[in-house]
Protein backbone atom coordinates (compact mmCIF):
# COMPACT_ATOMS: atom_id res chain seq x y z
CA MET A 1 -24.56 15.11 -22.03
CA SER A 2 -23.58 12.86 -24.93
CA ALA A 3 -24.52 15.64 -27.37
CA LEU A 4 -22.21 18.05 -25.53
CA LYS A 5 -19.43 15.48 -25.59
CA ASN A 6 -19.86 14.97 -29.31
CA LEU A 7 -19.77 18.72 -29.86
CA TYR A 8 -16.65 19.04 -27.72
CA GLN A 9 -14.93 16.25 -29.66
CA ARG A 10 -15.39 18.22 -32.89
CA LEU A 11 -13.88 21.45 -31.54
CA PRO A 12 -10.47 22.63 -32.77
CA PRO A 13 -7.68 22.60 -30.12
CA PRO A 14 -7.96 26.29 -29.08
CA ALA A 15 -11.68 25.88 -28.50
CA ARG A 16 -11.05 22.74 -26.43
CA HIS A 17 -8.78 24.79 -24.15
CA LEU A 18 -11.56 27.34 -23.70
CA ALA A 19 -14.07 24.58 -22.96
CA ALA A 20 -11.69 23.07 -20.40
CA THR A 21 -11.27 26.46 -18.75
CA ALA A 22 -15.04 26.99 -18.63
CA TYR A 23 -15.42 23.59 -16.97
CA GLY A 24 -12.57 24.50 -14.61
CA LEU A 25 -14.43 27.64 -13.55
CA ARG A 26 -17.37 25.52 -12.43
CA MET A 27 -15.08 23.14 -10.55
CA TYR A 28 -13.30 26.08 -8.91
CA TYR A 29 -16.57 27.08 -7.23
CA TRP A 30 -17.06 23.59 -5.79
CA ARG A 31 -13.45 22.88 -4.81
CA TYR A 32 -11.58 26.09 -4.00
CA SER A 33 -13.84 29.09 -3.42
CA GLY A 34 -14.57 30.93 -0.18
CA ARG A 35 -12.06 30.89 2.68
CA TRP A 36 -10.43 27.79 1.27
CA GLU A 37 -6.84 28.69 2.18
CA GLU A 38 -7.87 28.83 5.85
CA ARG A 39 -9.07 25.23 5.52
CA VAL A 40 -5.66 24.23 4.16
CA GLN A 41 -3.85 25.81 7.09
CA ALA A 42 -6.24 24.18 9.56
CA ALA A 43 -5.50 20.77 8.03
CA LEU A 44 -1.75 21.38 8.36
CA GLU A 45 -2.22 22.31 12.01
CA ARG A 46 -4.13 19.07 12.63
CA ASP A 47 -1.11 17.12 11.37
CA ARG A 48 0.39 17.60 14.83
CA TRP A 49 -2.67 16.77 16.89
CA SER A 50 -2.27 14.23 19.66
CA ALA A 51 -3.99 10.86 19.59
CA GLU A 52 -6.39 12.14 22.26
CA GLN A 53 -7.36 15.18 20.17
CA TRP A 54 -8.05 12.97 17.17
CA ALA A 55 -10.07 10.51 19.24
CA ILE A 56 -12.35 13.27 20.57
CA TYR A 57 -12.74 14.89 17.15
CA ARG A 58 -13.55 11.66 15.35
CA GLN A 59 -15.91 10.32 18.01
CA ASN A 60 -17.93 13.53 17.94
CA ARG A 61 -18.17 13.41 14.16
CA LEU A 62 -19.06 9.73 14.21
CA ASP A 63 -21.78 10.19 16.85
CA GLU A 64 -23.39 12.96 14.80
CA LEU A 65 -23.17 10.95 11.60
CA LEU A 66 -24.67 7.75 13.03
CA HIS A 67 -27.57 9.63 14.58
CA ARG A 68 -28.21 11.51 11.35
CA ALA A 69 -28.05 8.36 9.23
CA ALA A 70 -30.45 6.48 11.50
CA THR A 71 -33.00 9.30 11.58
CA ARG A 72 -32.69 11.14 8.27
CA VAL A 73 -31.43 8.67 5.67
CA PRO A 74 -34.23 6.45 4.28
CA TYR A 75 -32.14 3.32 3.76
CA TYR A 76 -30.69 3.32 7.27
CA ARG A 77 -33.90 4.51 8.92
CA ASP A 78 -35.81 1.60 7.37
CA HIS A 79 -33.03 -0.79 8.34
CA TRP A 80 -33.16 0.15 12.02
CA ALA A 81 -36.98 0.24 12.05
CA GLU A 82 -37.05 -3.33 10.74
CA ARG A 83 -34.54 -4.47 13.35
CA ARG A 84 -36.59 -2.86 16.11
CA ARG A 85 -39.75 -4.57 14.87
CA LYS A 86 -37.92 -7.87 15.19
CA GLY A 87 -36.95 -7.11 18.76
CA ASP A 88 -33.34 -6.10 18.11
CA ARG A 89 -32.37 -3.47 20.70
CA SER A 90 -28.72 -3.08 19.65
CA PRO A 91 -27.58 0.51 20.29
CA ARG A 92 -27.32 2.56 17.11
CA ASP A 93 -24.39 4.60 18.39
CA VAL A 94 -22.01 1.62 18.24
CA LEU A 95 -20.43 1.40 14.79
CA GLU A 96 -19.95 -2.38 14.96
CA ASN A 97 -23.74 -2.83 15.21
CA TRP A 98 -24.25 -1.43 11.72
CA PRO A 99 -24.30 -3.69 8.65
CA VAL A 100 -21.51 -3.73 6.08
CA LEU A 101 -22.65 -1.83 2.98
CA THR A 102 -21.72 -3.31 -0.39
CA LYS A 103 -21.16 -1.34 -3.57
CA GLU A 104 -23.97 -3.30 -5.24
CA VAL A 105 -26.53 -2.15 -2.67
CA LEU A 106 -25.34 1.45 -2.98
CA ARG A 107 -25.51 1.25 -6.77
CA LEU A 108 -29.06 -0.12 -6.78
CA ARG A 109 -30.42 2.21 -4.09
CA ALA A 110 -28.15 5.27 -4.25
CA GLN A 111 -30.99 7.78 -3.81
CA ASP A 112 -32.14 6.05 -0.62
CA PHE A 113 -28.80 6.98 0.96
CA VAL A 114 -29.42 10.71 0.47
CA ALA A 115 -30.76 12.42 3.62
CA ASP A 116 -34.37 13.57 3.37
CA ASP A 117 -33.63 17.11 4.61
CA VAL A 118 -31.38 18.05 1.67
CA ARG A 119 -32.25 18.91 -1.91
CA ARG A 120 -30.31 16.88 -4.44
CA SER A 121 -30.51 19.79 -6.90
CA ARG A 122 -28.18 21.74 -4.59
CA LEU A 123 -25.65 18.94 -4.26
CA TYR A 124 -22.75 18.05 -6.49
CA TYR A 125 -23.53 14.89 -8.43
CA GLU A 126 -20.84 12.47 -9.49
CA HIS A 127 -20.91 8.97 -10.90
CA SER A 128 -17.90 6.79 -10.57
CA SER A 129 -16.97 3.15 -10.86
CA GLY A 130 -13.65 3.66 -9.13
CA THR A 131 -11.60 0.63 -10.19
CA THR A 132 -14.31 -1.96 -9.62
CA GLY A 133 -16.31 -1.68 -12.82
CA THR A 134 -19.52 -1.04 -10.83
CA PRO A 135 -21.04 2.42 -11.51
CA VAL A 136 -22.12 4.33 -8.38
CA SER A 137 -24.14 7.55 -8.07
CA LEU A 138 -22.85 10.00 -5.45
CA TRP A 139 -24.05 13.35 -4.07
CA PHE A 140 -21.98 15.82 -2.04
CA PRO A 141 -22.62 19.17 -0.37
CA ARG A 142 -20.20 21.91 -1.33
CA GLU A 143 -18.84 22.08 2.22
CA SER A 144 -17.54 18.51 2.14
CA ILE A 145 -15.89 18.98 -1.27
CA LEU A 146 -14.15 22.17 -0.15
CA GLU A 147 -12.87 20.41 2.96
CA ARG A 148 -11.69 17.37 1.07
CA TYR A 149 -9.72 19.41 -1.48
CA ALA A 150 -8.18 21.51 1.28
CA ILE A 151 -6.94 18.32 2.97
CA LEU A 152 -5.69 17.04 -0.38
CA GLU A 153 -3.77 20.27 -0.95
CA ALA A 154 -2.28 20.23 2.54
CA ARG A 155 -1.14 16.61 2.60
CA THR A 156 0.02 16.19 -0.97
CA ARG A 157 1.22 19.46 -2.46
CA ARG A 158 2.14 21.44 0.67
CA TRP A 159 3.95 18.45 2.18
CA ASN A 160 6.13 18.48 -0.93
CA GLY A 161 6.75 22.18 -1.44
CA VAL A 162 4.27 22.84 -4.27
CA THR A 163 0.82 24.37 -4.50
CA ARG A 164 -2.18 24.27 -6.82
CA TYR A 165 -1.48 27.93 -7.63
CA TRP A 166 1.52 26.74 -9.66
CA ARG A 167 1.11 25.03 -13.02
CA TRP A 168 0.56 21.30 -12.78
CA ALA A 169 -0.59 18.32 -14.84
CA THR A 170 -3.06 15.48 -14.67
CA LEU A 171 -2.19 12.34 -16.62
CA GLY A 172 -5.68 10.89 -16.82
CA GLY A 173 -8.10 8.73 -18.76
CA GLN A 174 -10.87 11.13 -19.75
CA THR A 175 -11.52 11.33 -23.49
CA ILE A 176 -10.41 14.93 -23.86
CA ILE A 177 -9.04 14.21 -27.35
CA PRO A 178 -10.79 12.08 -30.01
CA SER A 179 -9.12 8.68 -30.34
CA GLU A 180 -8.51 9.13 -34.06
CA VAL A 181 -6.37 12.25 -33.53
CA ASP A 182 -2.75 11.38 -34.31
CA ARG A 183 -1.08 14.78 -34.03
CA PRO A 184 -0.54 16.98 -30.95
CA PRO A 185 -1.88 18.57 -28.88
CA PHE A 186 -2.95 15.52 -26.87
CA TRP A 187 -3.91 17.75 -23.96
CA VAL A 188 -6.08 20.67 -22.90
CA PHE A 189 -5.15 23.53 -20.57
CA ASN A 190 -7.55 24.60 -17.83
CA ALA A 191 -6.39 28.17 -17.16
CA VAL A 192 -8.61 28.67 -14.09
CA GLN A 193 -6.89 25.86 -12.19
CA ASN A 194 -3.45 26.07 -13.87
CA GLN A 195 -3.95 22.47 -14.96
CA LEU A 196 -2.70 20.77 -18.11
CA TYR A 197 -4.77 17.63 -18.65
CA LEU A 198 -2.76 15.04 -20.59
CA SER A 199 -4.55 12.21 -22.35
CA THR A 200 -3.33 8.72 -21.43
CA ALA A 201 -5.13 7.37 -24.49
CA HIS A 202 -2.58 8.86 -26.88
CA LEU A 203 0.62 7.71 -25.20
CA SER A 204 2.85 5.95 -27.70
CA PRO A 205 6.61 5.95 -28.38
CA GLY A 206 6.18 8.44 -31.21
CA ASN A 207 4.02 10.77 -29.11
CA VAL A 208 6.11 10.76 -25.93
CA PRO A 209 8.40 13.61 -27.13
CA HIS A 210 5.29 15.77 -27.60
CA TYR A 211 4.19 15.06 -24.01
CA VAL A 212 7.64 15.96 -22.67
CA ASP A 213 7.71 19.11 -24.75
CA ALA A 214 4.30 20.17 -23.40
CA ILE A 215 5.37 19.60 -19.77
CA ASN A 216 8.51 21.66 -20.33
CA ARG A 217 6.84 24.37 -22.40
CA TYR A 218 4.09 24.93 -19.83
CA ARG A 219 6.74 24.86 -17.06
CA LEU A 220 4.72 22.41 -14.98
CA THR A 221 5.86 21.86 -11.39
CA HIS A 222 4.09 18.61 -10.52
CA MET A 223 1.82 15.89 -11.86
CA ILE A 224 -1.02 13.70 -10.60
CA GLY A 225 -1.51 10.60 -12.69
CA TYR A 226 -2.18 6.92 -13.23
CA ASN A 227 0.97 5.06 -12.21
CA SER A 228 0.85 2.61 -15.11
CA SER A 229 0.66 5.45 -17.64
CA ALA A 230 3.31 7.52 -15.86
CA ALA A 231 5.64 4.50 -15.77
CA TYR A 232 5.10 3.95 -19.49
CA LEU A 233 5.87 7.61 -20.18
CA ALA A 234 8.96 7.40 -17.96
CA ASP A 235 10.23 4.24 -19.62
CA GLU A 236 9.96 5.78 -23.07
CA MET A 237 11.64 8.96 -21.87
CA ILE A 238 14.63 6.96 -20.67
CA ARG A 239 14.75 4.98 -23.91
CA GLN A 240 14.66 8.16 -25.98
CA GLY A 241 16.95 10.24 -23.77
CA LEU A 242 14.29 12.83 -22.89
CA ARG A 243 14.31 14.99 -19.74
CA LEU A 244 11.93 17.25 -17.87
CA HIS A 245 12.94 20.78 -16.91
CA ASP A 246 14.66 21.38 -13.58
CA GLY A 247 11.58 23.03 -12.04
CA PHE A 248 9.53 19.80 -12.06
CA LYS A 249 9.39 18.80 -8.39
CA VAL A 250 7.05 15.90 -7.59
CA TYR A 251 4.82 13.20 -9.06
CA PHE A 252 1.76 11.98 -7.14
CA GLY A 253 0.51 8.49 -7.97
CA ASN A 254 -3.25 8.23 -8.17
CA ALA A 255 -5.93 5.50 -8.60
CA GLU A 256 -3.49 2.56 -8.72
CA PRO A 257 -0.94 0.96 -6.41
CA LEU A 258 2.55 2.35 -6.90
CA HIS A 259 4.88 -0.60 -7.49
CA PRO A 260 8.59 -0.25 -6.61
CA TRP A 261 9.67 -0.63 -10.23
CA GLN A 262 7.26 2.10 -11.27
CA ARG A 263 8.54 4.40 -8.54
CA SER A 264 12.14 3.89 -9.71
CA LEU A 265 11.31 4.49 -13.36
CA ILE A 266 9.30 7.65 -12.68
CA ALA A 267 11.88 9.08 -10.28
CA GLU A 268 14.70 8.48 -12.75
CA ALA A 269 12.92 9.85 -15.81
CA PHE A 270 11.11 12.79 -14.20
CA GLY A 271 14.01 13.69 -11.90
CA CYS A 272 11.70 14.37 -8.98
CA ALA A 273 10.21 13.00 -5.76
CA VAL A 274 7.53 10.30 -6.19
CA ARG A 275 4.68 10.03 -3.70
CA GLU A 276 1.83 7.55 -3.43
CA THR A 277 -1.73 8.58 -2.62
CA TYR A 278 -4.90 6.62 -1.90
CA GLY A 279 -8.49 7.70 -2.20
CA MET A 280 -11.76 7.27 -4.06
CA SER A 281 -14.73 9.25 -5.33
CA GLU A 282 -16.89 8.18 -2.39
CA GLU A 283 -14.63 10.26 -0.10
CA VAL A 284 -14.77 7.77 2.77
CA VAL A 285 -11.00 7.27 3.05
CA GLY A 286 -7.85 9.05 1.95
CA ALA A 287 -4.12 8.72 2.49
CA SER A 288 -0.87 10.20 1.23
CA GLU A 289 2.81 9.41 1.48
CA CYS A 290 5.18 11.65 3.41
CA ALA A 291 8.87 12.25 2.71
CA GLU A 292 9.72 9.50 5.21
CA GLY A 293 7.91 6.92 3.09
CA HIS A 294 4.88 6.41 5.37
CA LEU A 295 1.38 6.23 3.88
CA HIS A 296 -0.65 8.37 6.31
CA LEU A 297 -4.41 8.13 6.66
CA TRP A 298 -6.50 11.32 6.65
CA PRO A 299 -8.55 10.89 9.86
CA GLU A 300 -11.07 13.60 8.92
CA LEU A 301 -12.37 11.59 5.97
CA GLY A 302 -13.46 8.44 7.72
CA VAL A 303 -13.10 5.51 10.09
CA VAL A 304 -11.29 2.53 8.58
CA GLU A 305 -11.83 -1.07 9.71
CA VAL A 306 -10.00 -4.13 8.40
CA LEU A 307 -12.33 -7.15 8.32
CA ASP A 308 -12.15 -10.72 7.06
CA ALA A 309 -14.66 -12.39 4.71
CA GLU A 310 -17.03 -13.02 7.66
CA ASP A 311 -16.90 -9.34 8.73
CA ARG A 312 -14.69 -10.07 11.72
CA PRO A 313 -11.83 -7.69 12.69
CA VAL A 314 -8.41 -8.69 11.40
CA ALA A 315 -5.39 -8.47 13.68
CA GLY A 316 -2.81 -5.78 12.95
CA GLY A 317 -0.29 -6.76 10.32
CA ASN A 318 -2.75 -9.05 8.48
CA ASN A 319 -4.54 -8.21 5.25
CA GLY A 320 -8.28 -7.86 5.10
CA ARG A 321 -11.15 -5.98 3.47
CA LEU A 322 -11.15 -2.22 4.00
CA ILE A 323 -14.50 -1.15 5.46
CA CYS A 324 -14.86 2.62 5.69
CA THR A 325 -17.31 4.99 7.35
CA GLY A 326 -17.20 8.44 5.82
CA LEU A 327 -17.19 11.45 8.15
CA LEU A 328 -17.27 14.32 5.64
CA ASN A 329 -20.57 13.86 3.78
CA PRO A 330 -23.75 14.41 5.83
CA ALA A 331 -25.87 14.51 2.66
CA GLN A 332 -25.18 10.91 1.63
CA PRO A 333 -23.52 9.20 4.61
CA LEU A 334 -21.96 5.82 3.90
CA ILE A 335 -21.63 3.61 6.99
CA ARG A 336 -19.23 0.63 7.00
CA TYR A 337 -18.85 0.77 3.25
CA ALA A 338 -16.89 -2.05 1.60
CA VAL A 339 -14.71 -0.04 -0.78
CA GLY A 340 -13.50 -3.10 -2.70
CA ASP A 341 -9.84 -2.85 -1.66
CA ASN A 342 -7.71 -4.94 0.66
CA GLY A 343 -5.08 -3.63 3.04
CA HIS A 344 -3.75 -3.74 6.58
CA PHE A 345 -2.57 -1.66 9.48
CA PRO A 346 0.97 -2.34 10.74
CA ALA A 347 1.15 -4.58 13.79
CA GLU A 348 2.79 -1.60 15.48
CA GLN A 349 2.53 1.98 14.30
CA PRO A 350 5.98 3.27 13.24
CA ASP A 351 7.62 6.27 14.84
CA THR A 352 6.42 9.23 12.79
CA ALA A 353 7.71 12.03 15.02
CA ARG A 354 9.79 13.43 12.15
CA CYS A 355 6.82 13.89 9.83
CA CYS A 356 3.40 14.09 11.53
CA SER A 357 1.10 12.40 14.03
CA LEU A 358 -1.31 10.93 11.49
CA PRO A 359 -1.84 7.13 11.59
CA VAL A 360 -0.02 4.93 9.08
CA ILE A 361 -1.69 2.30 6.92
CA GLY A 362 0.13 -0.48 5.09
CA ARG A 363 0.15 -1.19 1.39
CA ILE A 364 -3.24 -1.14 -0.36
CA ASP A 365 -3.87 -4.24 -2.47
CA GLY A 366 -6.47 -4.93 -5.13
CA ARG A 367 -6.70 -1.63 -7.00
CA SER A 368 -4.59 -2.48 -10.02
CA ASP A 369 -6.27 -2.64 -13.43
CA ASP A 370 -4.62 -3.39 -16.74
CA MET A 371 -4.12 -1.01 -19.60
CA VAL A 372 -5.25 -2.18 -22.99
CA ILE A 373 -2.50 -2.35 -25.61
CA LEU A 374 -3.15 -1.26 -29.19
CA ARG A 375 -1.36 -2.31 -32.35
CA ASN A 376 0.06 1.19 -32.83
CA ARG A 377 1.79 0.73 -29.42
CA ARG A 378 -0.59 3.06 -27.58
CA ARG A 379 -1.60 2.08 -24.04
CA VAL A 380 -5.09 3.09 -22.91
CA TYR A 381 -6.20 3.15 -19.27
CA SER A 382 -9.60 3.77 -17.63
CA THR A 383 -11.85 2.52 -20.43
CA ASP A 384 -14.37 1.47 -17.76
CA SER A 385 -15.99 4.91 -17.95
CA ILE A 386 -18.00 3.57 -20.91
CA PHE A 387 -20.29 1.91 -18.35
CA TYR A 388 -21.38 5.15 -16.67
CA ASP A 389 -25.11 5.98 -16.61
CA LEU A 390 -26.22 2.79 -18.37
CA PRO A 391 -28.67 0.18 -17.02
CA ILE A 392 -26.04 -2.39 -16.02
CA ARG A 393 -25.01 -3.86 -12.69
CA GLU A 394 -21.33 -4.18 -13.52
CA GLY A 395 -19.00 -4.15 -16.50
CA GLN A 396 -15.55 -5.13 -17.66
CA VAL A 397 -13.39 -4.52 -20.74
CA TYR A 398 -11.54 -7.73 -21.61
CA GLN A 399 -8.82 -7.64 -24.28
CA GLU A 400 -8.24 -11.01 -25.94
CA SER A 401 -5.74 -9.89 -28.60
CA LEU A 402 -4.39 -6.72 -30.13
CA ASP A 403 -7.47 -6.53 -32.34
CA THR A 404 -10.18 -8.26 -30.29
CA PHE A 405 -12.01 -6.96 -27.24
CA ARG A 406 -14.95 -8.17 -25.20
CA ILE A 407 -17.33 -5.91 -23.35
CA ARG A 408 -18.60 -8.00 -20.48
CA TYR A 409 -21.63 -6.61 -18.71
CA VAL A 410 -24.44 -7.65 -16.39
CA PRO A 411 -27.61 -5.95 -17.70
CA THR A 412 -30.61 -4.88 -15.68
CA GLU A 413 -34.17 -5.38 -16.84
CA LYS A 414 -34.07 -1.90 -18.42
CA PHE A 415 -31.20 -2.78 -20.77
CA GLN A 416 -32.11 -2.38 -24.45
CA PRO A 417 -30.25 -3.17 -27.72
CA GLU A 418 -29.41 0.49 -28.17
CA HIS A 419 -27.49 0.42 -24.88
CA ALA A 420 -25.21 -2.26 -26.31
CA GLU A 421 -24.44 0.05 -29.22
CA ILE A 422 -23.66 2.90 -26.82
CA LEU A 423 -21.16 0.61 -25.07
CA ARG A 424 -19.62 -0.43 -28.37
CA GLU A 425 -19.30 3.14 -29.61
CA GLY A 426 -17.86 4.24 -26.27
CA LEU A 427 -15.07 1.68 -26.45
CA HIS A 428 -14.36 2.55 -30.08
CA ARG A 429 -13.72 6.15 -28.95
CA TYR A 430 -10.89 4.85 -26.77
CA ILE A 431 -9.35 2.18 -28.99
CA GLY A 432 -10.29 3.13 -32.54
CA GLN A 433 -11.12 0.33 -34.96
CA ALA A 434 -11.06 -3.18 -33.53
CA GLN A 435 -13.35 -6.18 -33.18
CA ILE A 436 -15.64 -5.74 -30.18
CA ILE A 437 -17.65 -8.69 -28.92
CA MET A 438 -20.60 -7.95 -26.64
CA GLU A 439 -20.89 -10.49 -23.84
CA PRO A 440 -23.86 -10.19 -21.45
CA MET A 441 -23.31 -12.24 -18.31
CA ALA A 442 -25.15 -13.18 -15.12
CA GLU A 443 -22.00 -12.32 -13.15
CA ILE A 444 -18.52 -11.23 -14.15
CA PRO A 445 -15.78 -13.53 -12.78
CA ARG A 446 -13.82 -12.16 -9.83
CA GLU A 447 -10.16 -12.42 -8.98
CA ALA A 448 -8.94 -14.82 -6.31
CA ASN A 449 -9.22 -12.01 -3.73
CA GLY A 450 -12.84 -11.34 -4.73
CA LYS A 451 -11.96 -8.16 -6.64
CA LEU A 452 -13.66 -7.32 -9.90
CA ARG A 453 -11.15 -5.86 -12.31
CA ALA A 454 -12.63 -3.24 -14.61
CA VAL A 455 -10.03 -3.81 -17.33
CA ILE A 456 -8.16 -7.02 -18.19
CA CYS A 457 -5.47 -7.27 -20.85
CA ALA A 458 -5.13 -11.00 -21.61
CA ILE A 459 -3.12 -10.84 -24.81
CA SER A 460 -0.31 -13.37 -25.24
CA PRO A 461 3.32 -12.63 -24.36
CA GLU A 462 4.15 -12.98 -28.04
CA GLU A 463 1.70 -10.24 -28.99
CA ARG A 464 2.96 -8.01 -26.19
CA GLN A 465 6.51 -8.37 -27.48
CA SER A 466 5.40 -7.59 -31.04
CA VAL A 467 4.43 -4.07 -30.02
């Protein structure tokens, strides 16, 4: 894979567009093929289901999933066998009787969570650290991916009068353009999915006009992006007096909390509606904001519990750890999975009769990571992807100054010196030339809420003001 990435990085811009389209063709099969539009309409119809209909639907799915996990998934089957040997007769069909699953256990034993009656070669493989800095291996059947993207389409785009069939943008952190490139294009166009992928790594005051020009020239109708990068783009647009075309309709925040000041900036600069979304690669929970300002859970994806540090339920209105049981993935079921985020349910569910019947969840806390700031005024987000597929338990990019970075990592016994060089080279691809200090650790320090931040920008206020 690294050889392919290196080859891609050397391609001229037109060839990169072709490569992106070829990749998009593969993703189209997994996400949108078959009778996908019927799935979208079915999701929209479920928006008006009664509480009783949802309760029956979810309980049936949960019963099937718990039985399957206990009988077909090696990790859970061994867990219940050991409990039975010790005389524990707790019923397996009660969710609260199952243990809380940590990301560390899933990372170390990911293959043991794959059901023994499926072939991994026929599943879609993905590795993701989310925003925790802890790489996780995931497998999905095509059916669950198709369903998830149909729900995403229904409750983001269709709720806001757009569709994936129209041209749209992703403002994301993948290294689609080599870091040393200093002239546009800073994007690639995936013609199969009508998607313009914009690099967050090349955002700078001097480059912002090029980004705005690309959005207007491609006549994009909506964008999905990192809120910190979108807010930076919006702020520079306002400073420079730049505008998007009148056909741009909505921005969907992704991967980070959407702060009020970011919402205001983006709405003013983009001239469109701004909506928050919540989700993760594990596909155990999802939510999206409606026009009334409510963040609605997607009940099909999973069961969400809010627990305290001792795994006890937290009363409505109080913050706690989000523990999620996925309902969409029978190939690698995750039961009571600690997703690493904190949140709460309102003490009383608001009246949502004007929008839909889906449950409302309160603000999600704990997902925010820093962007690193470079001397040329570029902001770079999502550098934690350098840790993917390496023998480490967790990793963090820590910026000490404009020119000094630390790669903090917890190595496994398989970690070799060459892996350190892979990490170093990976970060250089994002930030260019800078001092990088390798820092192996027994454990990376957590935040006060127990969250591991994948990226920390700790440069001084003076240095921030200098750029």
